[in-house]
Amino acid sequence: MEIHLEKIDARRNCYRFYEISLEPDLFAQAALVVRWGRIGGRGRSRIAGSGSMREAQDLATRLLRLRLRHGYALR
């Protein structure tokens, strides 16, 4: 599962992206990987959580709702 979000506001020089993806980890479970930064750049990333697929999906849903409230839109 991969979710790509963007927030573009030319007046404020705001060109941002946010990506949420579920990836397998070494223990046959799921890891939630988050990437963010300026569009066109490499950005930063972190592993936001690891555990069962259900836990990772719940965390991904919470992060998605938060980003949508902050003005991001699905790409």
Protein backbone atom coordinates (compact mmCIF):
# COMPACT_ATOMS: atom_id res chain seq x y z
CA MET A 1 0.00 0.00 0.00
CA GLU A 2 1.33 3.42 -0.97
CA ILE A 3 -0.34 6.79 -0.46
CA HIS A 4 1.02 9.94 -2.09
CA LEU A 5 -0.08 13.37 -0.85
CA GLU A 6 0.83 16.87 -2.00
CA LYS A 7 0.31 20.35 -0.63
CA ILE A 8 0.83 23.21 -3.08
CA ASP A 9 0.34 26.87 -2.19
CA ALA A 10 2.20 29.13 -4.63
CA ARG A 11 1.47 32.28 -2.61
CA ARG A 12 3.38 30.87 0.35
CA ASN A 13 6.04 29.09 -1.74
CA CYS A 14 4.80 25.81 -0.26
CA TYR A 15 5.43 22.74 -2.45
CA ARG A 16 5.41 19.68 -0.20
CA PHE A 17 4.89 15.95 -0.52
CA TYR A 18 4.07 13.26 2.02
CA GLU A 19 4.16 9.51 1.32
CA ILE A 20 2.91 6.67 3.50
CA SER A 21 3.77 3.07 2.60
CA LEU A 22 3.43 -0.34 4.23
CA GLU A 23 6.42 -2.56 3.67
CA PRO A 24 7.41 -5.99 4.99
CA ASP A 25 10.00 -6.04 7.74
CA LEU A 26 12.54 -8.72 8.63
CA PHE A 27 10.15 -10.53 10.97
CA ALA A 28 7.37 -11.17 8.40
CA GLN A 29 5.27 -8.35 9.79
CA ALA A 30 4.56 -4.85 8.49
CA ALA A 31 6.53 -1.62 8.85
CA LEU A 32 5.01 1.79 8.19
CA VAL A 33 7.47 3.99 6.27
CA VAL A 34 6.82 7.73 5.97
CA ARG A 35 8.62 10.10 3.56
CA TRP A 36 8.15 13.86 3.40
CA GLY A 37 9.80 16.95 1.99
CA ARG A 38 9.78 19.54 -0.76
CA ILE A 39 8.50 18.41 -4.16
CA GLY A 40 11.49 17.72 -6.41
CA GLY A 41 13.79 16.98 -3.50
CA ARG A 42 14.82 13.72 -1.90
CA GLY A 43 13.05 14.46 1.36
CA ARG A 44 13.37 12.68 4.67
CA SER A 45 12.05 9.34 5.81
CA ARG A 46 11.42 7.36 8.97
CA ILE A 47 9.87 4.10 10.05
CA ALA A 48 6.80 5.26 11.96
CA GLY A 49 5.77 1.88 13.33
CA SER A 50 6.21 -1.84 13.08
CA GLY A 51 4.03 -4.74 14.10
CA SER A 52 1.05 -6.56 12.73
CA MET A 53 -0.50 -5.52 9.42
CA ARG A 54 -3.64 -4.34 11.25
CA GLU A 55 -1.66 -2.05 13.60
CA ALA A 56 0.30 -0.58 10.70
CA GLN A 57 -2.89 0.04 8.70
CA ASP A 58 -4.52 1.78 11.67
CA LEU A 59 -1.50 4.06 12.09
CA ALA A 60 -1.46 4.79 8.35
CA THR A 61 -5.14 5.78 8.50
CA ARG A 62 -4.49 8.14 11.42
CA LEU A 63 -1.54 9.76 9.61
CA LEU A 64 -3.60 10.14 6.43
CA ARG A 65 -6.45 11.87 8.27
CA LEU A 66 -4.00 14.23 9.98
CA ARG A 67 -2.33 15.22 6.71
CA LEU A 68 -5.69 15.77 4.99
CA ARG A 69 -6.70 18.11 7.82
CA HIS A 70 -3.47 20.06 7.29
CA GLY A 71 -4.27 20.80 3.64
CA TYR A 72 -2.65 17.91 1.79
CA ALA A 73 -4.52 16.30 -1.12
CA LEU A 74 -4.24 12.84 -2.63
CA ARG A 75 -2.12 12.75 -5.77
